[in-house]
Each structure stands twice: as structure tokens, then as C-alpha cells.
Amino acid sequence: LVIPKTLAMNAGFDAQETIVKLTEERMASGGKIPVGLDITSGEPTNPVGIWDNVIVKRNSLSSCCVIACNLLLVDEVMRAGMTNLRTGQ
């Protein structure tokens, strides 16, 4: 419960009171429905309907692979250049 506590404190709400509300809401649903924190009101909220943008994550992972490949290619080219300089070619 570190993240909800930090969110509550940063939003200007009492962290302990907010954690108690979130825990009560979670217990009331039987632990089956996730509970979120509405930072504008400090009350528990139902995060159903809030979607994480999968496309952004997919593009980030794709970009990471491309960047890593480019860095490895640059490293390989630099090593080949240094080898050519040492042999005098």
C-alpha cells in the first residue's frame, strides 16, 4: 500500500484515513474487484473503465530493441575501425 499512501499524501489527504477507506472498500468487494484512489476527492474509486495504453508499452519495447541493436552495431563498427588502425590498413 505504498503507492496509494504516497498518492494520498501528495494529493493533500490524510494517508492513514485514505488507506483505511481503501482497505474497507476492498474488503467490502470480497477482494475480487480492484480498488483505486481518486486523487481529486481522496475516496476509493472503481478503476473499471481505466485502461493502460498497451500501444505505448508495445512501441517502447520495440524501440528498446532497435536502440540496443544500433548500439551493438556501433560498438562493432568502432572495434573494427580500431583493429584496422592497429594493423595499419
PDB file of N, CA and C in Angstrom:
ATOM      1  N   LEU A   1       0.811  -1.207   0.000  1.00  0.00           N
ATOM      2  CA  LEU A   1       0.000   0.000   0.000  1.00  0.00           C
ATOM      3  C   LEU A   1       0.850   1.265   0.000  1.00  0.00           C
ATOM      4  N   VAL A   2       2.079   1.129  -0.470  1.00  0.00           N
ATOM      5  CA  VAL A   2       2.978   2.279  -0.504  1.00  0.00           C
ATOM      6  C   VAL A   2       2.512   3.301  -1.539  1.00  0.00           C
ATOM      7  N   ILE A   3       2.115   2.826  -2.711  1.00  0.00           N
ATOM      8  CA  ILE A   3       1.719   3.751  -3.780  1.00  0.00           C
ATOM      9  C   ILE A   3       0.457   4.531  -3.417  1.00  0.00           C
ATOM     10  N   PRO A   4      -0.620   3.886  -2.939  1.00  0.00           N
ATOM     11  CA  PRO A   4      -1.792   4.685  -2.549  1.00  0.00           C
ATOM     12  C   PRO A   4      -1.488   5.659  -1.412  1.00  0.00           C
ATOM     13  N   LYS A   5      -0.635   5.250  -0.495  1.00  0.00           N
ATOM     14  CA  LYS A   5      -0.272   6.132   0.619  1.00  0.00           C
ATOM     15  C   LYS A   5       0.463   7.358   0.099  1.00  0.00           C
ATOM     16  N   THR A   6       1.406   7.149  -0.806  1.00  0.00           N
ATOM     17  CA  THR A   6       2.164   8.259  -1.378  1.00  0.00           C
ATOM     18  C   THR A   6       1.258   9.163  -2.205  1.00  0.00           C
ATOM     19  N   LEU A   7       0.357   8.562  -2.989  1.00  0.00           N
ATOM     20  CA  LEU A   7      -0.591   9.361  -3.771  1.00  0.00           C
ATOM     21  C   LEU A   7      -1.465  10.222  -2.864  1.00  0.00           C
ATOM     22  N   ALA A   8      -1.942   9.632  -1.777  1.00  0.00           N
ATOM     23  CA  ALA A   8      -2.796  10.376  -0.844  1.00  0.00           C
ATOM     24  C   ALA A   8      -2.036  11.538  -0.218  1.00  0.00           C
ATOM     25  N   MET A   9      -0.805  11.284   0.201  1.00  0.00           N
ATOM     26  CA  MET A   9      -0.009  12.357   0.814  1.00  0.00           C
ATOM     27  C   MET A   9       0.276  13.467  -0.193  1.00  0.00           C
ATOM     28  N   ASN A  10       0.633  13.096  -1.427  1.00  0.00           N
ATOM     29  CA  ASN A  10       0.938  14.099  -2.442  1.00  0.00           C
ATOM     30  C   ASN A  10      -0.299  14.879  -2.876  1.00  0.00           C
ATOM     31  N   ALA A  11      -1.475  14.269  -2.754  1.00  0.00           N
ATOM     32  CA  ALA A  11      -2.723  14.951  -3.113  1.00  0.00           C
ATOM     33  C   ALA A  11      -3.257  15.794  -1.957  1.00  0.00           C
ATOM     34  N   GLY A  12      -2.622  15.702  -0.792  1.00  0.00           N
ATOM     35  CA  GLY A  12      -3.022  16.522   0.344  1.00  0.00           C
ATOM     36  C   GLY A  12      -4.062  15.893   1.245  1.00  0.00           C
ATOM     37  N   PHE A  13      -4.208  14.583   1.185  1.00  0.00           N
ATOM     38  CA  PHE A  13      -5.165  13.883   2.039  1.00  0.00           C
ATOM     39  C   PHE A  13      -4.427  13.157   3.151  1.00  0.00           C
ATOM     40  N   ASP A  14      -5.167  12.830   4.220  1.00  0.00           N
ATOM     41  CA  ASP A  14      -4.593  12.072   5.322  1.00  0.00           C
ATOM     42  C   ASP A  14      -4.323  10.647   4.844  1.00  0.00           C
ATOM     43  N   ALA A  15      -3.063  10.236   4.890  1.00  0.00           N
ATOM     44  CA  ALA A  15      -2.666   8.941   4.335  1.00  0.00           C
ATOM     45  C   ALA A  15      -3.317   7.781   5.076  1.00  0.00           C
ATOM     46  N   GLN A  16      -3.330   7.833   6.405  1.00  0.00           N
ATOM     47  CA  GLN A  16      -3.895   6.730   7.184  1.00  0.00           C
ATOM     48  C   GLN A  16      -5.392   6.568   6.928  1.00  0.00           C
ATOM     49  N   GLU A  17      -6.092   7.685   6.910  1.00  0.00           N
ATOM     50  CA  GLU A  17      -7.535   7.641   6.670  1.00  0.00           C
ATOM     51  C   GLU A  17      -7.833   7.094   5.269  1.00  0.00           C
ATOM     52  N   THR A  18      -7.040   7.497   4.313  1.00  0.00           N
ATOM     53  CA  THR A  18      -7.231   7.030   2.941  1.00  0.00           C
ATOM     54  C   THR A  18      -6.974   5.537   2.829  1.00  0.00           C
ATOM     55  N   ILE A  19      -5.916   5.054   3.485  1.00  0.00           N
ATOM     56  CA  ILE A  19      -5.595   3.624   3.448  1.00  0.00           C
ATOM     57  C   ILE A  19      -6.717   2.810   4.094  1.00  0.00           C
ATOM     58  N   VAL A  20      -7.269   3.322   5.190  1.00  0.00           N
ATOM     59  CA  VAL A  20      -8.382   2.631   5.855  1.00  0.00           C
ATOM     60  C   VAL A  20      -9.587   2.551   4.916  1.00  0.00           C
ATOM     61  N   LYS A  21      -9.898   3.655   4.233  1.00  0.00           N
ATOM     62  CA  LYS A  21     -11.025   3.656   3.288  1.00  0.00           C
ATOM     63  C   LYS A  21     -10.793   2.658   2.154  1.00  0.00           C
ATOM     64  N   LEU A  22      -9.579   2.644   1.624  1.00  0.00           N
ATOM     65  CA  LEU A  22      -9.268   1.718   0.532  1.00  0.00           C
ATOM     66  C   LEU A  22      -9.379   0.266   0.986  1.00  0.00           C
ATOM     67  N   THR A  23      -8.869  -0.012   2.191  1.00  0.00           N
ATOM     68  CA  THR A  23      -8.931  -1.372   2.720  1.00  0.00           C
ATOM     69  C   THR A  23     -10.376  -1.801   2.958  1.00  0.00           C
ATOM     70  N   GLU A  24     -11.187  -0.903   3.518  1.00  0.00           N
ATOM     71  CA  GLU A  24     -12.600  -1.217   3.751  1.00  0.00           C
ATOM     72  C   GLU A  24     -13.326  -1.481   2.436  1.00  0.00           C
ATOM     73  N   GLU A  25     -13.050  -0.682   1.434  1.00  0.00           N
ATOM     74  CA  GLU A  25     -13.692  -0.866   0.124  1.00  0.00           C
ATOM     75  C   GLU A  25     -13.278  -2.192  -0.498  1.00  0.00           C
ATOM     76  N   ARG A  26     -12.021  -2.531  -0.344  1.00  0.00           N
ATOM     77  CA  ARG A  26     -11.518  -3.806  -0.889  1.00  0.00           C
ATOM     78  C   ARG A  26     -12.181  -4.991  -0.182  1.00  0.00           C
ATOM     79  N   MET A  27     -12.293  -4.899   1.146  1.00  0.00           N
ATOM     80  CA  MET A  27     -12.931  -5.975   1.911  1.00  0.00           C
ATOM     81  C   MET A  27     -14.422  -6.083   1.582  1.00  0.00           C
ATOM     82  N   ALA A  28     -15.071  -4.952   1.336  1.00  0.00           N
ATOM     83  CA  ALA A  28     -16.499  -4.960   1.016  1.00  0.00           C
ATOM     84  C   ALA A  28     -16.769  -5.677  -0.306  1.00  0.00           C
ATOM     85  N   SER A  29     -15.817  -5.606  -1.227  1.00  0.00           N
ATOM     86  CA  SER A  29     -15.996  -6.288  -2.517  1.00  0.00           C
ATOM     87  C   SER A  29     -15.521  -7.730  -2.459  1.00  0.00           C
ATOM     88  N   GLY A  30     -15.058  -8.153  -1.318  1.00  0.00           N
ATOM     89  CA  GLY A  30     -14.568  -9.523  -1.175  1.00  0.00           C
ATOM     90  C   GLY A  30     -13.196  -9.726  -1.785  1.00  0.00           C
ATOM     91  N   GLY A  31     -12.525  -8.644  -2.115  1.00  0.00           N
ATOM     92  CA  GLY A  31     -11.191  -8.739  -2.697  1.00  0.00           C
ATOM     93  C   GLY A  31     -11.193  -9.099  -4.169  1.00  0.00           C
ATOM     94  N   LYS A  32     -12.380  -9.149  -4.775  1.00  0.00           N
ATOM     95  CA  LYS A  32     -12.481  -9.550  -6.180  1.00  0.00           C
ATOM     96  C   LYS A  32     -12.337  -8.371  -7.137  1.00  0.00           C
ATOM     97  N   ILE A  33     -12.756  -7.201  -6.697  1.00  0.00           N
ATOM     98  CA  ILE A  33     -12.703  -6.013  -7.550  1.00  0.00           C
ATOM     99  C   ILE A  33     -11.554  -5.126  -7.069  1.00  0.00           C
ATOM    100  N   PRO A  34     -10.647  -4.753  -7.963  1.00  0.00           N
ATOM    101  CA  PRO A  34      -9.562  -3.866  -7.546  1.00  0.00           C
ATOM    102  C   PRO A  34     -10.109  -2.486  -7.174  1.00  0.00           C
ATOM    103  N   VAL A  35      -9.445  -1.843  -6.251  1.00  0.00           N
ATOM    104  CA  VAL A  35      -9.874  -0.533  -5.768  1.00  0.00           C
ATOM    105  C   VAL A  35      -8.753   0.456  -6.034  1.00  0.00           C
ATOM    106  N   GLY A  36      -9.127   1.607  -6.565  1.00  0.00           N
ATOM    107  CA  GLY A  36      -8.153   2.656  -6.829  1.00  0.00           C
ATOM    108  C   GLY A  36      -8.435   3.872  -5.970  1.00  0.00           C
ATOM    109  N   LEU A  37      -7.593   4.874  -6.104  1.00  0.00           N
ATOM    110  CA  LEU A  37      -7.717   6.099  -5.320  1.00  0.00           C
ATOM    111  C   LEU A  37      -7.996   7.263  -6.258  1.00  0.00           C
ATOM    112  N   ASP A  38      -9.086   7.965  -6.003  1.00  0.00           N
ATOM    113  CA  ASP A  38      -9.405   9.175  -6.758  1.00  0.00           C
ATOM    114  C   ASP A  38      -8.666  10.325  -6.086  1.00  0.00           C
ATOM    115  N   ILE A  39      -7.664  10.876  -6.757  1.00  0.00           N
ATOM    116  CA  ILE A  39      -6.825  11.885  -6.105  1.00  0.00           C
ATOM    117  C   ILE A  39      -7.503  13.247  -6.016  1.00  0.00           C
ATOM    118  N   THR A  40      -8.645  13.419  -6.683  1.00  0.00           N
ATOM    119  CA  THR A  40      -9.347  14.695  -6.557  1.00  0.00           C
ATOM    120  C   THR A  40     -10.250  14.731  -5.333  1.00  0.00           C
ATOM    121  N   SER A  41     -10.772  13.560  -4.940  1.00  0.00           N
ATOM    122  CA  SER A  41     -11.674  13.528  -3.783  1.00  0.00           C
ATOM    123  C   SER A  41     -11.080  12.787  -2.588  1.00  0.00           C
ATOM    124  N   GLY A  42     -10.076  11.954  -2.826  1.00  0.00           N
ATOM    125  CA  GLY A  42      -9.485  11.169  -1.750  1.00  0.00           C
ATOM    126  C   GLY A  42     -10.282   9.931  -1.403  1.00  0.00           C
ATOM    127  N   GLU A  43     -11.313   9.641  -2.185  1.00  0.00           N
ATOM    128  CA  GLU A  43     -12.177   8.490  -1.938  1.00  0.00           C
ATOM    129  C   GLU A  43     -11.756   7.311  -2.813  1.00  0.00           C
ATOM    130  N   PRO A  44     -12.092   6.097  -2.383  1.00  0.00           N
ATOM    131  CA  PRO A  44     -11.822   4.933  -3.234  1.00  0.00           C
ATOM    132  C   PRO A  44     -12.634   5.015  -4.522  1.00  0.00           C
ATOM    133  N   THR A  45     -12.058   4.516  -5.578  1.00  0.00           N
ATOM    134  CA  THR A  45     -12.747   4.523  -6.862  1.00  0.00           C
ATOM    135  C   THR A  45     -12.632   3.161  -7.515  1.00  0.00           C
ATOM    136  N   ASN A  46     -13.569   2.859  -8.368  1.00  0.00           N
ATOM    137  CA  ASN A  46     -13.554   1.607  -9.102  1.00  0.00           C
ATOM    138  C   ASN A  46     -12.800   1.853 -10.409  1.00  0.00           C
ATOM    139  N   PRO A  47     -11.647   1.223 -10.584  1.00  0.00           N
ATOM    140  CA  PRO A  47     -10.838   1.512 -11.770  1.00  0.00           C
ATOM    141  C   PRO A  47     -11.323   0.836 -13.047  1.00  0.00           C
ATOM    142  N   VAL A  48     -12.500   0.202 -13.007  1.00  0.00           N
ATOM    143  CA  VAL A  48     -13.036  -0.421 -14.214  1.00  0.00           C
ATOM    144  C   VAL A  48     -13.315   0.695 -15.221  1.00  0.00           C
ATOM    145  N   GLY A  49     -12.846   0.508 -16.415  1.00  0.00           N
ATOM    146  CA  GLY A  49     -13.004   1.530 -17.440  1.00  0.00           C
ATOM    147  C   GLY A  49     -11.747   2.360 -17.628  1.00  0.00           C
ATOM    148  N   ILE A  50     -10.780   2.211 -16.741  1.00  0.00           N
ATOM    149  CA  ILE A  50      -9.496   2.894 -16.894  1.00  0.00           C
ATOM    150  C   ILE A  50      -8.545   1.893 -17.525  1.00  0.00           C
ATOM    151  N   TRP A  51      -8.081   2.194 -18.712  1.00  0.00           N
ATOM    152  CA  TRP A  51      -7.225   1.267 -19.449  1.00  0.00           C
ATOM    153  C   TRP A  51      -5.823   1.833 -19.577  1.00  0.00           C
ATOM    154  N   ASP A  52      -4.865   0.970 -19.412  1.00  0.00           N
ATOM    155  CA  ASP A  52      -3.481   1.348 -19.643  1.00  0.00           C
ATOM    156  C   ASP A  52      -3.236   1.267 -21.141  1.00  0.00           C
ATOM    157  N   ASN A  53      -2.499   2.196 -21.668  1.00  0.00           N
ATOM    158  CA  ASN A  53      -2.283   2.254 -23.101  1.00  0.00           C
ATOM    159  C   ASN A  53      -1.255   1.204 -23.520  1.00  0.00           C
ATOM    160  N   VAL A  54      -1.736   0.105 -24.057  1.00  0.00           N
ATOM    161  CA  VAL A  54      -0.881  -1.015 -24.450  1.00  0.00           C
ATOM    162  C   VAL A  54      -0.008  -0.642 -25.639  1.00  0.00           C
ATOM    163  N   ILE A  55      -0.521   0.193 -26.517  1.00  0.00           N
ATOM    164  CA  ILE A  55       0.238   0.571 -27.712  1.00  0.00           C
ATOM    165  C   ILE A  55       1.522   1.296 -27.322  1.00  0.00           C
ATOM    166  N   VAL A  56       1.456   2.161 -26.320  1.00  0.00           N
ATOM    167  CA  VAL A  56       2.649   2.886 -25.880  1.00  0.00           C
ATOM    168  C   VAL A  56       3.686   1.913 -25.340  1.00  0.00           C
ATOM    169  N   LYS A  57       3.249   0.946 -24.537  1.00  0.00           N
ATOM    170  CA  LYS A  57       4.192  -0.037 -23.995  1.00  0.00           C
ATOM    171  C   LYS A  57       4.789  -0.889 -25.104  1.00  0.00           C
ATOM    172  N   ARG A  58       3.977  -1.291 -26.059  1.00  0.00           N
ATOM    173  CA  ARG A  58       4.469  -2.109 -27.169  1.00  0.00           C
ATOM    174  C   ARG A  58       5.512  -1.329 -27.975  1.00  0.00           C
ATOM    175  N   ASN A  59       5.236  -0.065 -28.263  1.00  0.00           N
ATOM    176  CA  ASN A  59       6.188   0.751 -29.015  1.00  0.00           C
ATOM    177  C   ASN A  59       7.461   1.004 -28.221  1.00  0.00           C
ATOM    178  N   SER A  60       7.344   1.161 -26.915  1.00  0.00           N
ATOM    179  CA  SER A  60       8.529   1.351 -26.074  1.00  0.00           C
ATOM    180  C   SER A  60       9.422   0.124 -26.106  1.00  0.00           C
ATOM    181  N   LEU A  61       8.826  -1.049 -25.990  1.00  0.00           N
ATOM    182  CA  LEU A  61       9.614  -2.280 -26.048  1.00  0.00           C
ATOM    183  C   LEU A  61      10.262  -2.454 -27.412  1.00  0.00           C
ATOM    184  N   SER A  62       9.539  -2.134 -28.459  1.00  0.00           N
ATOM    185  CA  SER A  62      10.093  -2.230 -29.808  1.00  0.00           C
ATOM    186  C   SER A  62      11.252  -1.254 -29.971  1.00  0.00           C
ATOM    187  N   SER A  63      11.087  -0.037 -29.491  1.00  0.00           N
ATOM    188  CA  SER A  63      12.152   0.964 -29.588  1.00  0.00           C
ATOM    189  C   SER A  63      13.380   0.541 -28.799  1.00  0.00           C
ATOM    190  N   CYS A  64      13.166  -0.064 -27.640  1.00  0.00           N
ATOM    191  CA  CYS A  64      14.302  -0.530 -26.829  1.00  0.00           C
ATOM    192  C   CYS A  64      15.134  -1.538 -27.602  1.00  0.00           C
ATOM    193  N   CYS A  65      14.474  -2.453 -28.280  1.00  0.00           N
ATOM    194  CA  CYS A  65      15.198  -3.466 -29.064  1.00  0.00           C
ATOM    195  C   CYS A  65      15.975  -2.826 -30.201  1.00  0.00           C
ATOM    196  N   VAL A  66      15.368  -1.885 -30.893  1.00  0.00           N
ATOM    197  CA  VAL A  66      16.039  -1.216 -32.010  1.00  0.00           C
ATOM    198  C   VAL A  66      17.243  -0.427 -31.514  1.00  0.00           C
ATOM    199  N   ILE A  67      17.089   0.285 -30.417  1.00  0.00           N
ATOM    200  CA  ILE A  67      18.191   1.077 -29.870  1.00  0.00           C
ATOM    201  C   ILE A  67      19.333   0.176 -29.421  1.00  0.00           C
ATOM    202  N   ALA A  68      19.014  -0.927 -28.759  1.00  0.00           N
ATOM    203  CA  ALA A  68      20.058  -1.860 -28.317  1.00  0.00           C
ATOM    204  C   ALA A  68      20.812  -2.432 -29.512  1.00  0.00           C
ATOM    205  N   CYS A  69      20.100  -2.797 -30.574  1.00  0.00           N
ATOM    206  CA  CYS A  69      20.759  -3.325 -31.781  1.00  0.00           C
ATOM    207  C   CYS A  69      21.662  -2.273 -32.409  1.00  0.00           C
ATOM    208  N   ASN A  70      21.202  -1.036 -32.462  1.00  0.00           N
ATOM    209  CA  ASN A  70      22.024   0.035 -33.032  1.00  0.00           C
ATOM    210  C   ASN A  70      23.275   0.282 -32.201  1.00  0.00           C
ATOM    211  N   LEU A  71      23.154   0.244 -30.888  1.00  0.00           N
ATOM    212  CA  LEU A  71      24.328   0.427 -30.031  1.00  0.00           C
ATOM    213  C   LEU A  71      25.335  -0.696 -30.227  1.00  0.00           C
ATOM    214  N   LEU A  72      24.849  -1.920 -30.345  1.00  0.00           N
ATOM    215  CA  LEU A  72      25.753  -3.044 -30.584  1.00  0.00           C
ATOM    216  C   LEU A  72      26.426  -2.923 -31.944  1.00  0.00           C
ATOM    217  N   LEU A  73      25.696  -2.451 -32.949  1.00  0.00           N
ATOM    218  CA  LEU A  73      26.272  -2.268 -34.277  1.00  0.00           C
ATOM    219  C   LEU A  73      27.350  -1.192 -34.257  1.00  0.00           C
ATOM    220  N   VAL A  74      27.094  -0.088 -33.584  1.00  0.00           N
ATOM    221  CA  VAL A  74      28.093   0.980 -33.478  1.00  0.00           C
ATOM    222  C   VAL A  74      29.327   0.468 -32.765  1.00  0.00           C
ATOM    223  N   ASP A  75      29.139  -0.296 -31.707  1.00  0.00           N
ATOM    224  CA  ASP A  75      30.271  -0.857 -30.977  1.00  0.00           C
ATOM    225  C   ASP A  75      31.093  -1.772 -31.880  1.00  0.00           C
ATOM    226  N   GLU A  76      30.424  -2.584 -32.684  1.00  0.00           N
ATOM    227  CA  GLU A  76      31.117  -3.496 -33.588  1.00  0.00           C
ATOM    228  C   GLU A  76      31.892  -2.723 -34.653  1.00  0.00           C
ATOM    229  N   VAL A  77      31.296  -1.672 -35.191  1.00  0.00           N
ATOM    230  CA  VAL A  77      31.972  -0.851 -36.203  1.00  0.00           C
ATOM    231  C   VAL A  77      33.181  -0.152 -35.595  1.00  0.00           C
ATOM    232  N   MET A  78      33.043   0.346 -34.384  1.00  0.00           N
ATOM    233  CA  MET A  78      34.169   1.025 -33.715  1.00  0.00           C
ATOM    234  C   MET A  78      35.313   0.051 -33.466  1.00  0.00           C
ATOM    235  N   ARG A  79      35.007  -1.146 -33.033  1.00  0.00           N
ATOM    236  CA  ARG A  79      36.059  -2.142 -32.803  1.00  0.00           C
ATOM    237  C   ARG A  79      36.751  -2.522 -34.106  1.00  0.00           C
ATOM    238  N   ALA A  80      35.985  -2.665 -35.185  1.00  0.00           N
ATOM    239  CA  ALA A  80      36.576  -2.994 -36.482  1.00  0.00           C
ATOM    240  C   ALA A  80      37.478  -1.859 -36.945  1.00  0.00           C
ATOM    241  N   GLY A  81      37.069  -0.626 -36.721  1.00  0.00           N
ATOM    242  CA  GLY A  81      37.895   0.525 -37.092  1.00  0.00           C
ATOM    243  C   GLY A  81      39.178   0.576 -36.297  1.00  0.00           C
ATOM    244  N   MET A  82      39.108   0.269 -35.015  1.00  0.00           N
ATOM    245  CA  MET A  82      40.310   0.273 -34.171  1.00  0.00           C
ATOM    246  C   MET A  82      41.263  -0.837 -34.598  1.00  0.00           C
ATOM    247  N   THR A  83      40.728  -1.977 -34.997  1.00  0.00           N
ATOM    248  CA  THR A  83      41.564  -3.089 -35.457  1.00  0.00           C
ATOM    249  C   THR A  83      42.285  -2.701 -36.740  1.00  0.00           C
ATOM    250  N   ASN A  84      41.588  -2.014 -37.644  1.00  0.00           N
ATOM    251  CA  ASN A  84      42.209  -1.573 -38.894  1.00  0.00           C
ATOM    252  C   ASN A  84      43.295  -0.540 -38.635  1.00  0.00           C
ATOM    253  N   LEU A  85      43.115   0.323 -37.664  1.00  0.00           N
ATOM    254  CA  LEU A  85      44.131   1.326 -37.341  1.00  0.00           C
ATOM    255  C   LEU A  85      45.379   0.673 -36.759  1.00  0.00           C
ATOM    256  N   ARG A  86      45.212  -0.349 -35.959  1.00  0.00           N
ATOM    257  CA  ARG A  86      46.349  -1.031 -35.334  1.00  0.00           C
ATOM    258  C   ARG A  86      47.182  -1.788 -36.364  1.00  0.00           C
ATOM    259  N   THR A  87      46.517  -2.381 -37.345  1.00  0.00           N
ATOM    260  CA  THR A  87      47.252  -3.156 -38.348  1.00  0.00           C
ATOM    261  C   THR A  87      47.815  -2.262 -39.443  1.00  0.00           C
ATOM    262  N   GLY A  88      47.416  -1.002 -39.497  1.00  0.00           N
ATOM    263  CA  GLY A  88      47.953  -0.069 -40.464  1.00  0.00           C
ATOM    264  C   GLY A  88      47.309  -0.148 -41.823  1.00  0.00           C
ATOM    265  N   GLN A  89      46.141  -0.658 -41.911  1.00  0.00           N
ATOM    266  CA  GLN A  89      45.472  -0.768 -43.213  1.00  0.00           C
ATOM    267  C   GLN A  89      44.670   0.443 -43.524  1.00  0.00           C
TER     268      GLN A  89
END
